[in-house]
Amino acid sequence: MENIYDLIIIGGGPGGIGSVVEAKVLGLKKVLMIEKTDNHSHTIRKFYKDQKRVDKDWQGQEVELEGNVEFVDGTKESTLDYFDKLLDDEVIDARFNCAVEKVEKKEDTFFVTSGCGVDVAKNIIVSIGRMGKPNKPSYKIPLSLRSQINFNLDKCGNGEKILVVGGGDSAVEYACELSESNEVALNYRRELLTRPNPTNQEMISKYSEDEAVVLELGIDIESIESEHGQIKVNFSNKSELFDRVVYAIGGTTPSDFLKSCGITLDDMGEPIFNENYESEVEGLFVAGDIVFNSGGSIAIALNHGYRIVTSIIKRKK
């Protein structure tokens, strides 16, 4: 039992990093972070453009940091540098390129099975984000257009005519960000954008008023086809050419993985947890975007780590 960890953290994003730091500062002796990719903060590295602004109060969500991570406004690069600094500590045990397969609880102990073997812990935090498999349109995407079809901002360039498809927070955020260097339209099949949070609704209204983003609402897309190297989008009432189409029509919470960890989900496929972010299994916690779909708020994810670790330590006393 001397090889048992006080805490194993699954996921190397902000929620995982915050949990690691808080565990170290607040006094948990043996902590392990497991990340399936080759480095921490995979989403930031892959999906944020170079020099992208990274704000503590993301999209106007004012967040008071509760813990020991002194996160401030910066850029993609300065944020990664800061997280590097936090993790470059021999006290912290981290494993990369190590995908967790399942978590099992036997009596009061968790057994974590991964590509690196089996590790044992008293507590588990699952902080894996919401990068599930994206939904795709029902109509066919021609093979010749695959390089011009996106399901995130990866590969989007500058000076393009882009159609963003979707009615949620991601669609609004994509459209507004892309409009800084592209001609952008946002299409949603319903006549009103009711799904985005209030901050994003206010933002898209302003961008629309300023004609930075053209809103194509209440219109269905029936099909797309290739025309002279561009994407011909056949709407229900017209056709229009675009250089690129970005679909933001929803993704799935990684429910199968959560279930494999023993986390109970509600009817909507969302994890069930209490005020300390603890699942229905004692000692098994969730953090980050899978908790409140915090939509990229690093500060909120960091606070999750602080609150969870604090509750673990209180329970030990």
Protein backbone atom coordinates (compact mmCIF):
# COMPACT_ATOMS: atom_id res chain seq x y z
CA MET A 1 0.00 0.00 0.00
CA GLU A 2 3.00 2.33 0.18
CA ASN A 3 2.72 2.83 -3.61
CA ILE A 4 -0.82 4.16 -3.40
CA TYR A 5 -1.36 7.75 -4.56
CA ASP A 6 -3.33 10.23 -2.52
CA LEU A 7 -4.74 11.54 -5.80
CA ILE A 8 -4.64 10.64 -9.48
CA ILE A 9 -5.73 13.34 -11.94
CA ILE A 10 -6.87 12.24 -15.39
CA GLY A 11 -6.35 15.04 -17.92
CA GLY A 12 -3.62 17.65 -18.39
CA GLY A 13 -5.72 20.72 -19.20
CA PRO A 14 -6.30 23.71 -16.89
CA GLY A 15 -8.54 21.72 -14.55
CA GLY A 16 -5.92 19.02 -14.21
CA ILE A 17 -3.05 21.47 -13.83
CA GLY A 18 -4.94 23.46 -11.21
CA SER A 19 -5.67 20.26 -9.28
CA VAL A 20 -2.00 19.22 -9.38
CA VAL A 21 -0.78 22.58 -8.11
CA GLU A 22 -3.37 22.79 -5.35
CA ALA A 23 -2.59 19.25 -4.21
CA LYS A 24 1.10 20.13 -3.95
CA VAL A 25 0.55 23.44 -2.16
CA LEU A 26 -2.17 22.22 0.21
CA GLY A 27 -0.30 19.13 1.31
CA LEU A 28 -1.29 15.98 -0.55
CA LYS A 29 1.94 13.98 -0.62
CA LYS A 30 1.62 11.59 -3.54
CA VAL A 31 -0.09 12.95 -6.67
CA LEU A 32 -0.03 11.70 -10.26
CA MET A 33 -1.35 13.45 -13.40
CA ILE A 34 -2.03 11.28 -16.45
CA GLU A 35 -2.46 12.86 -19.90
CA LYS A 36 -3.14 10.93 -23.11
CA THR A 37 -1.32 13.37 -25.43
CA ASP A 38 2.36 14.27 -25.50
CA ASN A 39 2.06 17.43 -23.40
CA HIS A 40 -0.26 19.38 -21.12
CA SER A 41 -2.90 21.84 -22.41
CA HIS A 42 -3.54 19.99 -25.65
CA THR A 43 -6.62 22.03 -26.59
CA ILE A 44 -4.77 25.32 -26.17
CA ARG A 45 -1.81 24.07 -28.19
CA LYS A 46 -3.85 22.65 -31.05
CA PHE A 47 -6.87 24.90 -31.37
CA TYR A 48 -5.67 28.35 -30.27
CA LYS A 49 -4.04 30.47 -32.94
CA ASP A 50 -0.57 31.85 -32.28
CA GLN A 51 -0.68 35.02 -30.15
CA LYS A 52 -4.38 34.46 -29.41
CA ARG A 53 -5.46 36.45 -26.36
CA VAL A 54 -6.19 34.36 -23.29
CA ASP A 55 -8.13 36.31 -20.66
CA LYS A 56 -8.80 35.35 -17.05
CA ASP A 57 -12.32 36.75 -17.37
CA TRP A 58 -13.06 34.84 -20.55
CA GLN A 59 -15.85 36.33 -22.68
CA GLY A 60 -16.71 38.69 -19.83
CA GLN A 61 -17.21 35.95 -17.22
CA GLU A 62 -15.72 37.65 -14.16
CA VAL A 63 -14.03 34.98 -12.08
CA GLU A 64 -12.31 35.44 -8.75
CA LEU A 65 -9.49 32.93 -8.43
CA GLU A 66 -9.85 31.02 -5.19
CA GLY A 67 -6.69 28.99 -5.06
CA ASN A 68 -2.92 29.22 -5.43
CA VAL A 69 -2.61 29.54 -9.21
CA GLU A 70 -1.92 33.17 -10.12
CA PHE A 71 -3.43 33.08 -13.59
CA VAL A 72 -3.57 36.43 -15.43
CA ASP A 73 -4.47 37.76 -18.88
CA GLY A 74 -1.97 36.90 -21.57
CA THR A 75 -1.55 35.07 -24.86
CA LYS A 76 -1.50 31.45 -25.93
CA GLU A 77 2.27 31.47 -25.58
CA SER A 78 2.46 33.16 -22.16
CA THR A 79 -0.24 30.86 -20.80
CA LEU A 80 1.62 27.75 -21.92
CA ASP A 81 4.87 29.15 -20.50
CA TYR A 82 3.18 29.75 -17.14
CA PHE A 83 1.72 26.25 -17.03
CA ASP A 84 5.15 24.86 -17.98
CA LYS A 85 6.61 26.67 -14.99
CA LEU A 86 3.95 25.30 -12.66
CA LEU A 87 4.58 21.73 -13.80
CA ASP A 88 8.39 21.88 -13.98
CA ASP A 89 8.72 20.63 -10.43
CA GLU A 90 10.21 17.31 -9.40
CA VAL A 91 7.55 17.02 -6.69
CA ILE A 92 4.90 16.61 -9.40
CA ASP A 93 4.57 13.20 -11.05
CA ALA A 94 3.13 13.43 -14.58
CA ARG A 95 2.82 10.89 -17.36
CA PHE A 96 2.20 11.82 -20.98
CA ASN A 97 1.23 9.70 -23.99
CA CYS A 98 -0.68 7.56 -21.52
CA ALA A 99 -4.37 7.00 -22.24
CA VAL A 100 -6.55 5.87 -19.34
CA GLU A 101 -8.88 3.01 -20.23
CA LYS A 102 -10.93 2.60 -17.09
CA VAL A 103 -11.21 3.32 -13.38
CA GLU A 104 -12.44 0.72 -10.91
CA LYS A 105 -13.13 1.13 -7.20
CA LYS A 106 -12.58 -1.82 -4.92
CA GLU A 107 -13.52 -1.14 -1.33
CA ASP A 108 -11.86 2.24 -0.57
CA THR A 109 -9.26 2.14 -3.35
CA PHE A 110 -9.30 3.13 -7.02
CA PHE A 111 -7.45 1.15 -9.68
CA VAL A 112 -6.62 3.15 -12.81
CA THR A 113 -5.85 1.09 -15.91
CA SER A 114 -3.95 2.87 -18.68
CA GLY A 115 -1.45 2.23 -21.43
CA CYS A 116 1.20 2.66 -18.74
CA GLY A 117 -0.14 -0.10 -16.51
CA VAL A 118 -2.27 -0.02 -13.37
CA ASP A 119 -1.97 2.69 -10.70
CA VAL A 120 -3.72 2.83 -7.35
CA ALA A 121 -5.16 5.90 -5.60
CA LYS A 122 -7.38 7.01 -2.75
CA ASN A 123 -9.03 9.76 -4.86
CA ILE A 124 -9.56 10.44 -8.57
CA ILE A 125 -10.26 13.65 -10.50
CA VAL A 126 -11.47 13.30 -14.09
CA SER A 127 -10.76 16.55 -15.95
CA ILE A 128 -10.81 15.66 -19.62
CA GLY A 129 -12.75 18.52 -21.24
CA ARG A 130 -15.51 18.19 -23.81
CA MET A 131 -13.56 17.43 -26.94
CA GLY A 132 -15.86 14.61 -27.89
CA LYS A 133 -16.68 13.52 -31.41
CA PRO A 134 -18.34 16.45 -33.22
CA ASN A 135 -21.76 16.10 -34.74
CA LYS A 136 -21.84 16.09 -38.52
CA PRO A 137 -24.52 17.25 -40.98
CA SER A 138 -27.06 14.79 -42.33
CA TYR A 139 -26.30 15.66 -45.96
CA LYS A 140 -23.26 14.33 -47.82
CA ILE A 141 -19.95 16.20 -47.78
CA PRO A 142 -18.26 15.71 -51.20
CA LEU A 143 -14.80 14.16 -50.97
CA SER A 144 -13.32 17.01 -53.05
CA LEU A 145 -14.33 19.51 -50.35
CA ARG A 146 -13.00 17.69 -47.29
CA SER A 147 -9.98 19.99 -46.94
CA GLN A 148 -12.30 23.04 -46.85
CA ILE A 149 -14.67 21.63 -44.25
CA ASN A 150 -13.84 22.15 -40.58
CA PHE A 151 -15.31 21.13 -37.24
CA ASN A 152 -13.11 23.55 -35.27
CA LEU A 153 -10.81 26.49 -36.05
CA ASP A 154 -7.87 24.30 -36.98
CA LYS A 155 -6.61 25.07 -40.53
CA CYS A 156 -8.71 28.22 -40.89
CA GLY A 157 -6.74 30.91 -42.67
CA ASN A 158 -7.11 34.63 -43.31
CA GLY A 159 -8.93 36.44 -46.10
CA GLU A 160 -11.45 33.68 -46.71
CA LYS A 161 -15.21 33.80 -47.10
CA ILE A 162 -16.38 31.48 -44.32
CA LEU A 163 -19.75 30.08 -43.30
CA VAL A 164 -20.09 28.97 -39.69
CA VAL A 165 -22.98 26.56 -39.11
CA GLY A 166 -24.52 26.19 -35.65
CA GLY A 167 -26.52 27.96 -32.98
CA GLY A 168 -24.58 27.42 -29.75
CA ASP A 169 -21.74 29.10 -27.90
CA SER A 170 -19.02 27.51 -30.04
CA ALA A 171 -20.64 28.69 -33.28
CA VAL A 172 -20.92 32.27 -32.02
CA GLU A 173 -17.36 32.29 -30.71
CA TYR A 174 -15.99 30.83 -33.94
CA ALA A 175 -17.86 33.36 -36.09
CA CYS A 176 -16.75 36.38 -34.05
CA GLU A 177 -13.14 35.28 -33.87
CA LEU A 178 -12.92 34.43 -37.58
CA SER A 179 -14.48 37.77 -38.52
CA GLU A 180 -11.32 39.56 -37.39
CA SER A 181 -9.56 38.43 -40.56
CA ASN A 182 -12.26 36.93 -42.77
CA GLU A 183 -15.68 37.57 -44.32
CA VAL A 184 -18.00 35.53 -42.12
CA ALA A 185 -21.63 34.44 -42.11
CA LEU A 186 -23.36 32.46 -39.36
CA ASN A 187 -26.14 30.05 -40.28
CA TYR A 188 -28.62 28.50 -37.85
CA ARG A 189 -31.77 26.65 -38.79
CA ARG A 190 -33.89 28.46 -36.21
CA GLU A 191 -34.86 32.13 -36.42
CA LEU A 192 -33.39 33.09 -33.02
CA LEU A 193 -30.13 32.30 -31.26
CA THR A 194 -31.36 31.17 -27.86
CA ARG A 195 -28.69 28.63 -26.89
CA PRO A 196 -25.63 30.88 -26.38
CA ASN A 197 -24.94 32.29 -22.92
CA PRO A 198 -25.88 35.96 -22.33
CA THR A 199 -22.34 37.20 -22.94
CA ASN A 200 -22.16 35.49 -26.31
CA GLN A 201 -25.65 36.65 -27.28
CA GLU A 202 -24.62 40.22 -26.59
CA MET A 203 -21.40 39.72 -28.54
CA ILE A 204 -23.04 38.28 -31.66
CA SER A 205 -25.65 41.06 -31.63
CA LYS A 206 -22.89 43.65 -31.65
CA TYR A 207 -20.93 41.89 -34.41
CA SER A 208 -24.11 41.66 -36.46
CA GLU A 209 -24.94 45.33 -35.93
CA ASP A 210 -21.40 46.27 -36.96
CA GLU A 211 -21.77 44.01 -40.04
CA ALA A 212 -18.73 42.02 -38.97
CA VAL A 213 -20.81 38.83 -39.07
CA VAL A 214 -23.77 38.26 -41.40
CA LEU A 215 -26.56 36.29 -39.71
CA GLU A 216 -28.36 33.72 -41.86
CA LEU A 217 -31.04 32.58 -39.41
CA GLY A 218 -34.14 30.47 -39.95
CA ILE A 219 -32.63 28.90 -43.06
CA ASP A 220 -31.82 25.21 -43.59
CA ILE A 221 -28.90 23.92 -45.63
CA GLU A 222 -30.15 21.27 -48.03
CA SER A 223 -26.82 20.27 -49.59
CA ILE A 224 -23.31 21.39 -50.47
CA GLU A 225 -21.36 20.84 -53.68
CA SER A 226 -18.11 21.85 -55.31
CA GLU A 227 -18.10 24.67 -57.84
CA HIS A 228 -14.81 25.88 -59.32
CA GLY A 229 -12.86 25.04 -56.17
CA GLN A 230 -15.33 26.72 -53.83
CA ILE A 231 -18.12 25.33 -51.67
CA LYS A 232 -21.57 25.93 -53.10
CA VAL A 233 -24.01 25.94 -50.20
CA ASN A 234 -27.57 25.24 -51.25
CA PHE A 235 -29.83 26.85 -48.67
CA SER A 236 -33.58 26.29 -48.65
CA ASN A 237 -34.08 29.72 -50.29
CA LYS A 238 -30.85 30.43 -52.21
CA SER A 239 -27.35 29.23 -53.07
CA GLU A 240 -24.07 30.93 -52.13
CA LEU A 241 -20.35 30.28 -52.61
CA PHE A 242 -17.87 30.06 -49.71
CA ASP A 243 -14.19 29.26 -49.39
CA ARG A 244 -14.70 27.31 -46.18
CA VAL A 245 -17.49 25.95 -44.00
CA VAL A 246 -17.01 25.45 -40.26
CA TYR A 247 -19.54 23.21 -38.53
CA ALA A 248 -20.14 23.87 -34.83
CA ILE A 249 -23.30 21.84 -34.44
CA GLY A 250 -22.42 20.19 -31.18
CA GLY A 251 -20.17 17.53 -29.83
CA THR A 252 -20.66 14.78 -27.35
CA THR A 253 -19.53 14.74 -23.77
CA PRO A 254 -17.16 11.74 -23.69
CA SER A 255 -19.88 9.73 -21.98
CA ASP A 256 -18.45 6.27 -22.69
CA PHE A 257 -15.21 7.19 -20.96
CA LEU A 258 -17.00 8.75 -18.00
CA LYS A 259 -19.06 5.57 -17.62
CA SER A 260 -15.88 3.48 -17.76
CA CYS A 261 -14.66 5.52 -14.80
CA GLY A 262 -17.78 4.71 -12.81
CA ILE A 263 -19.32 8.19 -13.13
CA THR A 264 -23.12 8.22 -13.25
CA LEU A 265 -24.70 10.34 -16.01
CA ASP A 266 -28.11 12.00 -16.10
CA ASP A 267 -30.69 11.71 -18.90
CA MET A 268 -28.79 14.32 -20.94
CA GLY A 269 -25.51 12.42 -20.69
CA GLU A 270 -24.04 14.88 -18.19
CA PRO A 271 -22.10 13.75 -15.10
CA ILE A 272 -23.95 13.83 -11.77
CA PHE A 273 -21.99 15.49 -8.94
CA ASN A 274 -22.48 17.34 -5.64
CA GLU A 275 -21.37 20.78 -4.43
CA ASN A 276 -17.76 19.56 -4.17
CA TYR A 277 -17.83 18.17 -7.74
CA GLU A 278 -17.83 14.64 -6.34
CA SER A 279 -19.68 12.03 -8.34
CA GLU A 280 -22.02 9.48 -6.80
CA VAL A 281 -18.90 7.40 -6.10
CA GLU A 282 -17.12 8.71 -3.00
CA GLY A 283 -13.63 9.94 -3.85
CA LEU A 284 -14.32 10.22 -7.60
CA PHE A 285 -14.52 13.84 -8.80
CA VAL A 286 -15.05 15.74 -12.07
CA ALA A 287 -13.51 19.09 -13.05
CA GLY A 288 -13.23 21.47 -15.99
CA ASP A 289 -15.60 21.82 -18.93
CA ILE A 290 -17.36 18.50 -18.31
CA VAL A 291 -18.72 20.01 -15.09
CA PHE A 292 -20.53 23.15 -16.25
CA ASN A 293 -19.59 23.29 -19.92
CA SER A 294 -17.64 26.39 -18.95
CA GLY A 295 -16.81 26.92 -22.60
CA GLY A 296 -13.09 27.46 -22.30
CA SER A 297 -12.93 29.39 -19.03
CA ILE A 298 -9.51 28.53 -17.67
CA ALA A 299 -10.16 30.39 -14.42
CA ILE A 300 -13.32 28.38 -13.67
CA ALA A 301 -11.46 25.12 -14.32
CA LEU A 302 -8.65 26.22 -11.97
CA ASN A 303 -11.21 26.94 -9.24
CA HIS A 304 -12.64 23.44 -9.64
CA GLY A 305 -9.23 22.01 -8.80
CA TYR A 306 -8.90 24.15 -5.68
CA ARG A 307 -12.35 23.27 -4.36
CA ILE A 308 -11.94 19.55 -4.97
CA VAL A 309 -8.51 19.31 -3.36
CA THR A 310 -9.74 21.37 -0.39
CA SER A 311 -12.64 18.98 0.13
CA ILE A 312 -10.30 15.96 -0.06
CA ILE A 313 -8.00 17.42 2.58
CA LYS A 314 -10.90 18.30 4.89
CA ARG A 315 -12.13 14.72 4.65
CA LYS A 316 -8.70 13.39 5.65
CA LYS A 317 -8.64 15.42 8.88
